[in-house]
């Protein structure tokens, strides 16, 4: 607890008793206890709100990210699928190869 041991705590309580007096010390202690309880309650509410917002952000991010396509079993990595729109048409093996002179 903040590096305050039992001997230091006893000294602080004795000084508070001398300064505040026996009538006012319980009142101040009660007020201080209520204030600390309220502070803990407020800080836990803020922490819960941050955690809730973080979970909502993760959920929104997960819903926005489209799933990556799963590879087809037996597919060759890096190969272009047959009939893909951005694939260049393959030359048939029967097609004649023309030279710049125009001969086959």
PDB file of N, CA and C in Angstrom:
ATOM      1  N   UNK A   1       0.840  -1.172   0.000  1.00  0.00           N
ATOM      2  CA  UNK A   1       0.000   0.000   0.000  1.00  0.00           C
ATOM      3  C   UNK A   1       0.889   1.241   0.000  1.00  0.00           C
ATOM      4  N   UNK A   2       1.362   1.662  -1.141  1.00  0.00           N
ATOM      5  CA  UNK A   2       2.164   2.868  -1.318  1.00  0.00           C
ATOM      6  C   UNK A   2       3.458   2.849  -0.508  1.00  0.00           C
ATOM      7  N   UNK A   3       3.974   1.706  -0.142  1.00  0.00           N
ATOM      8  CA  UNK A   3       5.211   1.611   0.601  1.00  0.00           C
ATOM      9  C   UNK A   3       5.091   2.069   2.045  1.00  0.00           C
ATOM     10  N   UNK A   4       3.883   2.109   2.588  1.00  0.00           N
ATOM     11  CA  UNK A   4       3.677   2.526   3.972  1.00  0.00           C
ATOM     12  C   UNK A   4       3.471   1.266   4.800  1.00  0.00           C
ATOM     13  N   UNK A   5       4.393   1.037   5.727  1.00  0.00           N
ATOM     14  CA  UNK A   5       4.294  -0.126   6.597  1.00  0.00           C
ATOM     15  C   UNK A   5       3.475   0.186   7.836  1.00  0.00           C
ATOM     16  N   UNK A   6       3.391  -0.790   8.727  1.00  0.00           N
ATOM     17  CA  UNK A   6       2.612  -0.634   9.957  1.00  0.00           C
ATOM     18  C   UNK A   6       3.171   0.466  10.863  1.00  0.00           C
ATOM     19  N   UNK A   7       4.483   0.570  11.055  1.00  0.00           N
ATOM     20  CA  UNK A   7       4.977   1.654  11.926  1.00  0.00           C
ATOM     21  C   UNK A   7       4.657   3.047  11.371  1.00  0.00           C
ATOM     22  N   UNK A   8       4.788   3.226  10.052  1.00  0.00           N
ATOM     23  CA  UNK A   8       4.476   4.525   9.442  1.00  0.00           C
ATOM     24  C   UNK A   8       2.992   4.851   9.575  1.00  0.00           C
ATOM     25  N   UNK A   9       2.148   3.840   9.422  1.00  0.00           N
ATOM     26  CA  UNK A   9       0.704   4.034   9.532  1.00  0.00           C
ATOM     27  C   UNK A   9       0.308   4.446  10.952  1.00  0.00           C
ATOM     28  N   UNK A  10       0.929   3.844  11.952  1.00  0.00           N
ATOM     29  CA  UNK A  10       0.648   4.197  13.347  1.00  0.00           C
ATOM     30  C   UNK A  10       1.048   5.644  13.606  1.00  0.00           C
ATOM     31  N   UNK A  11       2.200   6.079  13.084  1.00  0.00           N
ATOM     32  CA  UNK A  11       2.655   7.467  13.259  1.00  0.00           C
ATOM     33  C   UNK A  11       1.667   8.433  12.610  1.00  0.00           C
ATOM     34  N   UNK A  12       1.202   8.102  11.399  1.00  0.00           N
ATOM     35  CA  UNK A  12       0.244   8.967  10.698  1.00  0.00           C
ATOM     36  C   UNK A  12      -1.053   9.071  11.501  1.00  0.00           C
ATOM     37  N   UNK A  13      -1.546   7.953  12.043  1.00  0.00           N
ATOM     38  CA  UNK A  13      -2.783   7.966  12.823  1.00  0.00           C
ATOM     39  C   UNK A  13      -2.638   8.766  14.122  1.00  0.00           C
ATOM     40  N   UNK A  14      -1.485   8.651  14.773  1.00  0.00           N
ATOM     41  CA  UNK A  14      -1.263   9.421  15.999  1.00  0.00           C
ATOM     42  C   UNK A  14      -1.226  10.911  15.692  1.00  0.00           C
ATOM     43  N   UNK A  15      -0.554  11.303  14.606  1.00  0.00           N
ATOM     44  CA  UNK A  15      -0.502  12.721  14.214  1.00  0.00           C
ATOM     45  C   UNK A  15      -1.904  13.217  13.871  1.00  0.00           C
ATOM     46  N   UNK A  16      -2.686  12.412  13.141  1.00  0.00           N
ATOM     47  CA  UNK A  16      -4.059  12.804  12.800  1.00  0.00           C
ATOM     48  C   UNK A  16      -4.904  12.951  14.059  1.00  0.00           C
ATOM     49  N   UNK A  17      -4.720  12.068  15.030  1.00  0.00           N
ATOM     50  CA  UNK A  17      -5.465  12.163  16.282  1.00  0.00           C
ATOM     51  C   UNK A  17      -5.111  13.441  17.041  1.00  0.00           C
ATOM     52  N   UNK A  18      -3.841  13.802  17.049  1.00  0.00           N
ATOM     53  CA  UNK A  18      -3.408  15.017  17.742  1.00  0.00           C
ATOM     54  C   UNK A  18      -3.933  16.262  17.025  1.00  0.00           C
ATOM     55  N   UNK A  19      -3.841  16.272  15.693  1.00  0.00           N
ATOM     56  CA  UNK A  19      -4.252  17.453  14.926  1.00  0.00           C
ATOM     57  C   UNK A  19      -5.771  17.613  14.914  1.00  0.00           C
ATOM     58  N   UNK A  20      -6.502  16.539  14.671  1.00  0.00           N
ATOM     59  CA  UNK A  20      -7.955  16.633  14.513  1.00  0.00           C
ATOM     60  C   UNK A  20      -8.711  16.485  15.841  1.00  0.00           C
ATOM     61  N   UNK A  21      -8.168  15.757  16.760  1.00  0.00           N
ATOM     62  CA  UNK A  21      -8.855  15.535  18.026  1.00  0.00           C
ATOM     63  C   UNK A  21      -9.717  14.295  17.978  1.00  0.00           C
ATOM     64  N   UNK A  22     -10.077  13.769  19.136  1.00  0.00           N
ATOM     65  CA  UNK A  22     -10.836  12.520  19.190  1.00  0.00           C
ATOM     66  C   UNK A  22     -12.281  12.655  18.701  1.00  0.00           C
ATOM     67  N   UNK A  23     -12.839  13.850  18.736  1.00  0.00           N
ATOM     68  CA  UNK A  23     -14.228  14.018  18.273  1.00  0.00           C
ATOM     69  C   UNK A  23     -14.320  14.087  16.753  1.00  0.00           C
ATOM     70  N   UNK A  24     -13.367  14.749  16.148  1.00  0.00           N
ATOM     71  CA  UNK A  24     -13.459  14.992  14.708  1.00  0.00           C
ATOM     72  C   UNK A  24     -12.805  13.877  13.886  1.00  0.00           C
ATOM     73  N   UNK A  25     -11.889  13.089  14.448  1.00  0.00           N
ATOM     74  CA  UNK A  25     -11.176  12.042  13.705  1.00  0.00           C
ATOM     75  C   UNK A  25     -12.125  10.997  13.105  1.00  0.00           C
ATOM     76  N   UNK A  26     -13.101  10.448  13.826  1.00  0.00           N
ATOM     77  CA  UNK A  26     -14.010   9.475  13.195  1.00  0.00           C
ATOM     78  C   UNK A  26     -14.822  10.074  12.051  1.00  0.00           C
ATOM     79  N   UNK A  27     -15.222  11.319  12.180  1.00  0.00           N
ATOM     80  CA  UNK A  27     -15.981  11.991  11.122  1.00  0.00           C
ATOM     81  C   UNK A  27     -15.133  12.139   9.856  1.00  0.00           C
ATOM     82  N   UNK A  28     -13.888  12.572  10.034  1.00  0.00           N
ATOM     83  CA  UNK A  28     -12.980  12.736   8.889  1.00  0.00           C
ATOM     84  C   UNK A  28     -12.669  11.379   8.261  1.00  0.00           C
ATOM     85  N   UNK A  29     -12.458  10.361   9.087  1.00  0.00           N
ATOM     86  CA  UNK A  29     -12.173   9.019   8.572  1.00  0.00           C
ATOM     87  C   UNK A  29     -13.365   8.482   7.771  1.00  0.00           C
ATOM     88  N   UNK A  30     -14.583   8.713   8.268  1.00  0.00           N
ATOM     89  CA  UNK A  30     -15.784   8.269   7.567  1.00  0.00           C
ATOM     90  C   UNK A  30     -15.915   8.976   6.214  1.00  0.00           C
ATOM     91  N   UNK A  31     -15.693  10.289   6.222  1.00  0.00           N
ATOM     92  CA  UNK A  31     -15.771  11.068   4.975  1.00  0.00           C
ATOM     93  C   UNK A  31     -14.706  10.619   3.986  1.00  0.00           C
ATOM     94  N   UNK A  32     -13.497  10.384   4.488  1.00  0.00           N
ATOM     95  CA  UNK A  32     -12.410   9.929   3.621  1.00  0.00           C
ATOM     96  C   UNK A  32     -12.716   8.541   3.050  1.00  0.00           C
ATOM     97  N   UNK A  33     -13.274   7.667   3.869  1.00  0.00           N
ATOM     98  CA  UNK A  33     -13.645   6.330   3.394  1.00  0.00           C
ATOM     99  C   UNK A  33     -14.718   6.373   2.321  1.00  0.00           C
ATOM    100  N   UNK A  34     -15.723   7.235   2.512  1.00  0.00           N
ATOM    101  CA  UNK A  34     -16.779   7.374   1.496  1.00  0.00           C
ATOM    102  C   UNK A  34     -16.209   7.930   0.195  1.00  0.00           C
ATOM    103  N   UNK A  35     -15.317   8.910   0.313  1.00  0.00           N
ATOM    104  CA  UNK A  35     -14.711   9.509  -0.888  1.00  0.00           C
ATOM    105  C   UNK A  35     -13.877   8.477  -1.638  1.00  0.00           C
ATOM    106  N   UNK A  36     -13.114   7.675  -0.908  1.00  0.00           N
ATOM    107  CA  UNK A  36     -12.302   6.639  -1.567  1.00  0.00           C
ATOM    108  C   UNK A  36     -13.189   5.584  -2.222  1.00  0.00           C
ATOM    109  N   UNK A  37     -14.288   5.211  -1.559  1.00  0.00           N
ATOM    110  CA  UNK A  37     -15.222   4.245  -2.150  1.00  0.00           C
ATOM    111  C   UNK A  37     -15.852   4.779  -3.425  1.00  0.00           C
ATOM    112  N   UNK A  38     -16.241   6.042  -3.413  1.00  0.00           N
ATOM    113  CA  UNK A  38     -16.825   6.658  -4.611  1.00  0.00           C
ATOM    114  C   UNK A  38     -15.804   6.740  -5.733  1.00  0.00           C
ATOM    115  N   UNK A  39     -14.568   7.080  -5.385  1.00  0.00           N
ATOM    116  CA  UNK A  39     -13.509   7.140  -6.399  1.00  0.00           C
ATOM    117  C   UNK A  39     -13.285   5.769  -7.030  1.00  0.00           C
ATOM    118  N   UNK A  40     -13.233   4.720  -6.217  1.00  0.00           N
ATOM    119  CA  UNK A  40     -13.057   3.359  -6.752  1.00  0.00           C
ATOM    120  C   UNK A  40     -14.232   2.964  -7.641  1.00  0.00           C
ATOM    121  N   UNK A  41     -15.437   3.300  -7.212  1.00  0.00           N
ATOM    122  CA  UNK A  41     -16.626   2.956  -7.987  1.00  0.00           C
ATOM    123  C   UNK A  41     -16.609   3.659  -9.345  1.00  0.00           C
ATOM    124  N   UNK A  42     -16.287   4.947  -9.341  1.00  0.00           N
ATOM    125  CA  UNK A  42     -16.240   5.705 -10.593  1.00  0.00           C
ATOM    126  C   UNK A  42     -15.140   5.186 -11.517  1.00  0.00           C
ATOM    127  N   UNK A  43     -13.976   4.901 -10.960  1.00  0.00           N
ATOM    128  CA  UNK A  43     -12.877   4.419 -11.791  1.00  0.00           C
ATOM    129  C   UNK A  43     -13.192   3.033 -12.362  1.00  0.00           C
ATOM    130  N   UNK A  44     -13.883   2.180 -11.610  1.00  0.00           N
ATOM    131  CA  UNK A  44     -14.248   0.869 -12.152  1.00  0.00           C
ATOM    132  C   UNK A  44     -15.306   1.017 -13.244  1.00  0.00           C
ATOM    133  N   UNK A  45     -16.229   1.965 -13.109  1.00  0.00           N
ATOM    134  CA  UNK A  45     -17.220   2.209 -14.154  1.00  0.00           C
ATOM    135  C   UNK A  45     -16.551   2.703 -15.434  1.00  0.00           C
ATOM    136  N   UNK A  46     -15.586   3.590 -15.291  1.00  0.00           N
ATOM    137  CA  UNK A  46     -14.864   4.096 -16.460  1.00  0.00           C
ATOM    138  C   UNK A  46     -14.093   2.968 -17.126  1.00  0.00           C
ATOM    139  N   UNK A  47     -13.437   2.129 -16.335  1.00  0.00           N
ATOM    140  CA  UNK A  47     -12.691   1.003 -16.878  1.00  0.00           C
ATOM    141  C   UNK A  47     -13.618   0.040 -17.614  1.00  0.00           C
ATOM    142  N   UNK A  48     -14.782  -0.258 -17.037  1.00  0.00           N
ATOM    143  CA  UNK A  48     -15.752  -1.138 -17.695  1.00  0.00           C
ATOM    144  C   UNK A  48     -16.238  -0.534 -19.007  1.00  0.00           C
ATOM    145  N   UNK A  49     -16.454   0.782 -19.018  1.00  0.00           N
ATOM    146  CA  UNK A  49     -16.906   1.449 -20.241  1.00  0.00           C
ATOM    147  C   UNK A  49     -15.850   1.361 -21.338  1.00  0.00           C
ATOM    148  N   UNK A  50     -14.578   1.571 -20.981  1.00  0.00           N
ATOM    149  CA  UNK A  50     -13.502   1.441 -21.959  1.00  0.00           C
ATOM    150  C   UNK A  50     -13.414   0.020 -22.499  1.00  0.00           C
ATOM    151  N   UNK A  51     -13.520  -0.968 -21.627  1.00  0.00           N
ATOM    152  CA  UNK A  51     -13.462  -2.355 -22.069  1.00  0.00           C
ATOM    153  C   UNK A  51     -14.636  -2.700 -22.979  1.00  0.00           C
ATOM    154  N   UNK A  52     -15.823  -2.183 -22.654  1.00  0.00           N
ATOM    155  CA  UNK A  52     -17.009  -2.427 -23.481  1.00  0.00           C
ATOM    156  C   UNK A  52     -16.816  -1.815 -24.877  1.00  0.00           C
ATOM    157  N   UNK A  53     -16.312  -0.582 -24.921  1.00  0.00           N
ATOM    158  CA  UNK A  53     -16.069   0.076 -26.209  1.00  0.00           C
ATOM    159  C   UNK A  53     -15.003  -0.659 -27.008  1.00  0.00           C
ATOM    160  N   UNK A  54     -13.981  -1.174 -26.335  1.00  0.00           N
ATOM    161  CA  UNK A  54     -12.931  -1.924 -27.034  1.00  0.00           C
ATOM    162  C   UNK A  54     -13.507  -3.192 -27.651  1.00  0.00           C
ATOM    163  N   UNK A  55     -14.389  -3.879 -26.895  1.00  0.00           N
ATOM    164  CA  UNK A  55     -15.028  -5.078 -27.452  1.00  0.00           C
ATOM    165  C   UNK A  55     -15.911  -4.733 -28.641  1.00  0.00           C
ATOM    166  N   UNK A  56     -16.628  -3.605 -28.561  1.00  0.00           N
ATOM    167  CA  UNK A  56     -17.466  -3.197 -29.688  1.00  0.00           C
ATOM    168  C   UNK A  56     -16.619  -2.868 -30.911  1.00  0.00           C
ATOM    169  N   UNK A  57     -15.497  -2.185 -30.704  1.00  0.00           N
ATOM    170  CA  UNK A  57     -14.607  -1.856 -31.818  1.00  0.00           C
ATOM    171  C   UNK A  57     -14.058  -3.118 -32.465  1.00  0.00           C
ATOM    172  N   UNK A  58     -13.674  -4.107 -31.651  1.00  0.00           N
ATOM    173  CA  UNK A  58     -13.178  -5.362 -32.202  1.00  0.00           C
ATOM    174  C   UNK A  58     -14.257  -6.059 -33.018  1.00  0.00           C
ATOM    175  N   UNK A  59     -15.496  -6.032 -32.521  1.00  0.00           N
ATOM    176  CA  UNK A  59     -16.602  -6.666 -33.239  1.00  0.00           C
ATOM    177  C   UNK A  59     -16.862  -5.956 -34.553  1.00  0.00           C
ATOM    178  N   UNK A  60     -16.859  -4.622 -34.529  1.00  0.00           N
ATOM    179  CA  UNK A  60     -17.071  -3.855 -35.765  1.00  0.00           C
ATOM    180  C   UNK A  60     -15.953  -4.114 -36.754  1.00  0.00           C
ATOM    181  N   UNK A  61     -14.714  -4.163 -36.282  1.00  0.00           N
ATOM    182  CA  UNK A  61     -13.576  -4.414 -37.161  1.00  0.00           C
ATOM    183  C   UNK A  61     -13.679  -5.808 -37.764  1.00  0.00           C
ATOM    184  N   UNK A  62     -14.093  -6.782 -36.967  1.00  0.00           N
ATOM    185  CA  UNK A  62     -14.225  -8.149 -37.458  1.00  0.00           C
ATOM    186  C   UNK A  62     -15.296  -8.232 -38.534  1.00  0.00           C
ATOM    187  N   UNK A  63     -16.392  -7.495 -38.355  1.00  0.00           N
ATOM    188  CA  UNK A  63     -17.487  -7.542 -39.336  1.00  0.00           C
ATOM    189  C   UNK A  63     -17.117  -6.826 -40.622  1.00  0.00           C
ATOM    190  N   UNK A  64     -16.268  -5.783 -40.549  1.00  0.00           N
ATOM    191  CA  UNK A  64     -15.872  -5.044 -41.747  1.00  0.00           C
ATOM    192  C   UNK A  64     -14.857  -5.802 -42.585  1.00  0.00           C
ATOM    193  N   UNK A  65     -13.999  -6.587 -41.988  1.00  0.00           N
ATOM    194  CA  UNK A  65     -12.946  -7.293 -42.699  1.00  0.00           C
ATOM    195  C   UNK A  65     -13.541  -8.490 -43.417  1.00  0.00           C
ATOM    196  N   UNK A  66     -13.462  -8.517 -44.763  1.00  0.00           N
ATOM    197  CA  UNK A  66     -14.005  -9.669 -45.481  1.00  0.00           C
ATOM    198  C   UNK A  66     -13.114 -10.884 -45.240  1.00  0.00           C
ATOM    199  N   UNK A  67     -13.705 -12.047 -45.178  1.00  0.00           N
ATOM    200  CA  UNK A  67     -12.893 -13.242 -44.961  1.00  0.00           C
ATOM    201  C   UNK A  67     -12.017 -13.513 -46.169  1.00  0.00           C
ATOM    202  N   UNK A  68     -10.810 -13.986 -45.938  1.00  0.00           N
ATOM    203  CA  UNK A  68      -9.918 -14.298 -47.046  1.00  0.00           C
ATOM    204  C   UNK A  68     -10.386 -15.596 -47.687  1.00  0.00           C
ATOM    205  N   UNK A  69     -10.279 -15.682 -49.006  1.00  0.00           N
ATOM    206  CA  UNK A  69     -10.749 -16.908 -49.670  1.00  0.00           C
ATOM    207  C   UNK A  69      -9.879 -18.088 -49.269  1.00  0.00           C
ATOM    208  N   UNK A  70     -10.529 -19.197 -49.005  1.00  0.00           N
ATOM    209  CA  UNK A  70      -9.773 -20.385 -48.620  1.00  0.00           C
ATOM    210  C   UNK A  70      -9.279 -21.074 -49.886  1.00  0.00           C
ATOM    211  N   UNK A  71      -8.079 -21.621 -49.847  1.00  0.00           N
ATOM    212  CA  UNK A  71      -7.546 -22.289 -51.036  1.00  0.00           C
ATOM    213  C   UNK A  71      -8.325 -23.558 -51.352  1.00  0.00           C
ATOM    214  N   UNK A  72      -8.450 -23.827 -52.637  1.00  0.00           N
ATOM    215  CA  UNK A  72      -9.139 -25.027 -53.085  1.00  0.00           C
ATOM    216  C   UNK A  72      -8.216 -26.218 -52.869  1.00  0.00           C
ATOM    217  N   UNK A  73      -8.733 -27.330 -52.350  1.00  0.00           N
ATOM    218  CA  UNK A  73      -7.863 -28.499 -52.151  1.00  0.00           C
ATOM    219  C   UNK A  73      -7.265 -28.949 -53.473  1.00  0.00           C
ATOM    220  N   UNK A  74      -5.965 -29.165 -53.485  1.00  0.00           N
ATOM    221  CA  UNK A  74      -5.273 -29.625 -54.685  1.00  0.00           C
ATOM    222  C   UNK A  74      -4.848 -28.493 -55.599  1.00  0.00           C
ATOM    223  N   UNK A  75      -5.142 -27.253 -55.248  1.00  0.00           N
ATOM    224  CA  UNK A  75      -4.767 -26.124 -56.089  1.00  0.00           C
ATOM    225  C   UNK A  75      -3.282 -25.837 -55.915  1.00  0.00           C
ATOM    226  N   UNK A  76      -2.669 -25.362 -56.994  1.00  0.00           N
ATOM    227  CA  UNK A  76      -1.255 -25.014 -56.968  1.00  0.00           C
ATOM    228  C   UNK A  76      -1.144 -23.563 -56.524  1.00  0.00           C
ATOM    229  N   UNK A  77      -0.345 -23.280 -55.489  1.00  0.00           N
ATOM    230  CA  UNK A  77      -0.212 -21.892 -55.037  1.00  0.00           C
ATOM    231  C   UNK A  77       0.361 -21.014 -56.148  1.00  0.00           C
ATOM    232  N   UNK A  78      -0.225 -19.867 -56.376  1.00  0.00           N
ATOM    233  CA  UNK A  78       0.246 -18.925 -57.383  1.00  0.00           C
ATOM    234  C   UNK A  78      -0.320 -19.184 -58.771  1.00  0.00           C
ATOM    235  N   UNK A  79      -1.020 -20.290 -58.976  1.00  0.00           N
ATOM    236  CA  UNK A  79      -1.596 -20.593 -60.277  1.00  0.00           C
ATOM    237  C   UNK A  79      -2.874 -19.791 -60.461  1.00  0.00           C
ATOM    238  N   UNK A  80      -3.135 -19.395 -61.718  1.00  0.00           N
ATOM    239  CA  UNK A  80      -4.335 -18.634 -62.026  1.00  0.00           C
ATOM    240  C   UNK A  80      -5.447 -19.617 -62.364  1.00  0.00           C
ATOM    241  N   UNK A  81      -6.604 -19.373 -61.807  1.00  0.00           N
ATOM    242  CA  UNK A  81      -7.744 -20.255 -62.046  1.00  0.00           C
ATOM    243  C   UNK A  81      -8.188 -20.155 -63.489  1.00  0.00           C
ATOM    244  N   UNK A  82      -8.651 -21.268 -64.025  1.00  0.00           N
ATOM    245  CA  UNK A  82      -9.123 -21.326 -65.402  1.00  0.00           C
ATOM    246  C   UNK A  82     -10.366 -20.458 -65.532  1.00  0.00           C
ATOM    247  N   UNK A  83     -10.361 -19.571 -66.524  1.00  0.00           N
ATOM    248  CA  UNK A  83     -11.500 -18.710 -66.751  1.00  0.00           C
ATOM    249  C   UNK A  83     -11.479 -17.472 -65.878  1.00  0.00           C
ATOM    250  N   UNK A  84     -10.371 -17.206 -65.228  1.00  0.00           N
ATOM    251  CA  UNK A  84     -10.279 -16.010 -64.400  1.00  0.00           C
ATOM    252  C   UNK A  84     -10.298 -14.788 -65.300  1.00  0.00           C
ATOM    253  N   UNK A  85     -10.977 -13.718 -64.945  1.00  0.00           N
ATOM    254  CA  UNK A  85     -11.123 -12.564 -65.820  1.00  0.00           C
ATOM    255  C   UNK A  85      -9.811 -11.844 -66.131  1.00  0.00           C
ATOM    256  N   UNK A  86      -8.837 -11.887 -65.230  1.00  0.00           N
ATOM    257  CA  UNK A  86      -7.603 -11.170 -65.508  1.00  0.00           C
ATOM    258  C   UNK A  86      -6.518 -12.083 -66.062  1.00  0.00           C
ATOM    259  N   UNK A  87      -6.865 -13.318 -66.393  1.00  0.00           N
ATOM    260  CA  UNK A  87      -5.891 -14.235 -66.970  1.00  0.00           C
ATOM    261  C   UNK A  87      -5.842 -14.037 -68.476  1.00  0.00           C
ATOM    262  N   UNK A  88      -4.654 -14.090 -69.047  1.00  0.00           N
ATOM    263  CA  UNK A  88      -4.498 -13.959 -70.494  1.00  0.00           C
ATOM    264  C   UNK A  88      -4.936 -15.268 -71.142  1.00  0.00           C
ATOM    265  N   UNK A  89      -5.563 -15.194 -72.320  1.00  0.00           N
ATOM    266  CA  UNK A  89      -6.003 -16.434 -72.973  1.00  0.00           C
ATOM    267  C   UNK A  89      -4.791 -17.279 -73.342  1.00  0.00           C
ATOM    268  N   UNK A  90      -4.892 -18.540 -73.071  1.00  0.00           N
ATOM    269  CA  UNK A  90      -3.784 -19.449 -73.358  1.00  0.00           C
ATOM    270  C   UNK A  90      -3.823 -19.827 -74.848  1.00  0.00           C
ATOM    271  N   UNK A  91      -2.646 -19.932 -75.446  1.00  0.00           N
ATOM    272  CA  UNK A  91      -2.558 -20.339 -76.853  1.00  0.00           C
ATOM    273  C   UNK A  91      -2.743 -21.840 -76.931  1.00  0.00           C
ATOM    274  N   UNK A  92      -3.491 -22.270 -77.922  1.00  0.00           N
ATOM    275  CA  UNK A  92      -3.710 -23.707 -78.059  1.00  0.00           C
ATOM    276  C   UNK A  92      -2.449 -24.327 -78.659  1.00  0.00           C
ATOM    277  N   UNK A  93      -2.185 -25.581 -78.362  1.00  0.00           N
ATOM    278  CA  UNK A  93      -0.972 -26.213 -78.893  1.00  0.00           C
ATOM    279  C   UNK A  93      -1.020 -26.351 -80.413  1.00  0.00           C
ATOM    280  N   UNK A  94      -2.197 -26.309 -81.043  1.00  0.00           N
ATOM    281  CA  UNK A  94      -2.325 -26.453 -82.489  1.00  0.00           C
ATOM    282  C   UNK A  94      -2.076 -25.137 -83.214  1.00  0.00           C
ATOM    283  N   UNK A  95      -2.071 -24.018 -82.494  1.00  0.00           N
ATOM    284  CA  UNK A  95      -1.946 -22.720 -83.152  1.00  0.00           C
ATOM    285  C   UNK A  95      -0.562 -22.591 -83.760  1.00  0.00           C
ATOM    286  N   UNK A  96      -0.547 -22.076 -84.961  1.00  0.00           N
ATOM    287  CA  UNK A  96       0.716 -21.887 -85.667  1.00  0.00           C
ATOM    288  C   UNK A  96       1.392 -20.659 -85.122  1.00  0.00           C
ATOM    289  N   UNK A  97       2.679 -20.776 -85.001  1.00  0.00           N
ATOM    290  CA  UNK A  97       3.450 -19.642 -84.523  1.00  0.00           C
ATOM    291  C   UNK A  97       3.931 -18.899 -85.753  1.00  0.00           C
ATOM    292  N   UNK A  98       3.586 -17.639 -85.827  1.00  0.00           N
ATOM    293  CA  UNK A  98       3.969 -16.834 -86.983  1.00  0.00           C
ATOM    294  C   UNK A  98       5.223 -16.059 -86.669  1.00  0.00           C
ATOM    295  N   UNK A  99       6.063 -15.955 -87.624  1.00  0.00           N
ATOM    296  CA  UNK A  99       7.292 -15.187 -87.497  1.00  0.00           C
ATOM    297  C   UNK A  99       7.030 -13.787 -88.019  1.00  0.00           C
ATOM    298  N   UNK A 100       7.918 -12.841 -87.748  1.00  0.00           N
ATOM    299  CA  UNK A 100       7.702 -11.475 -88.235  1.00  0.00           C
ATOM    300  C   UNK A 100       7.557 -11.392 -89.763  1.00  0.00           C
ATOM    301  N   UNK A 101       8.100 -12.355 -90.498  1.00  0.00           N
ATOM    302  CA  UNK A 101       7.973 -12.315 -91.945  1.00  0.00           C
ATOM    303  C   UNK A 101       6.618 -12.772 -92.424  1.00  0.00           C
ATOM    304  N   UNK A 102       5.804 -13.343 -91.513  1.00  0.00           N
ATOM    305  CA  UNK A 102       4.461 -13.760 -91.883  1.00  0.00           C
ATOM    306  C   UNK A 102       4.364 -15.216 -92.197  1.00  0.00           C
ATOM    307  N   UNK A 103       5.457 -15.965 -92.194  1.00  0.00           N
ATOM    308  CA  UNK A 103       5.423 -17.407 -92.498  1.00  0.00           C
ATOM    309  C   UNK A 103       5.155 -18.196 -91.227  1.00  0.00           C
ATOM    310  N   UNK A 104       4.582 -19.368 -91.431  1.00  0.00           N
ATOM    311  CA  UNK A 104       4.297 -20.255 -90.314  1.00  0.00           C
ATOM    312  C   UNK A 104       5.445 -21.180 -90.056  1.00  0.00           C
TER     313      UNK A 104
END
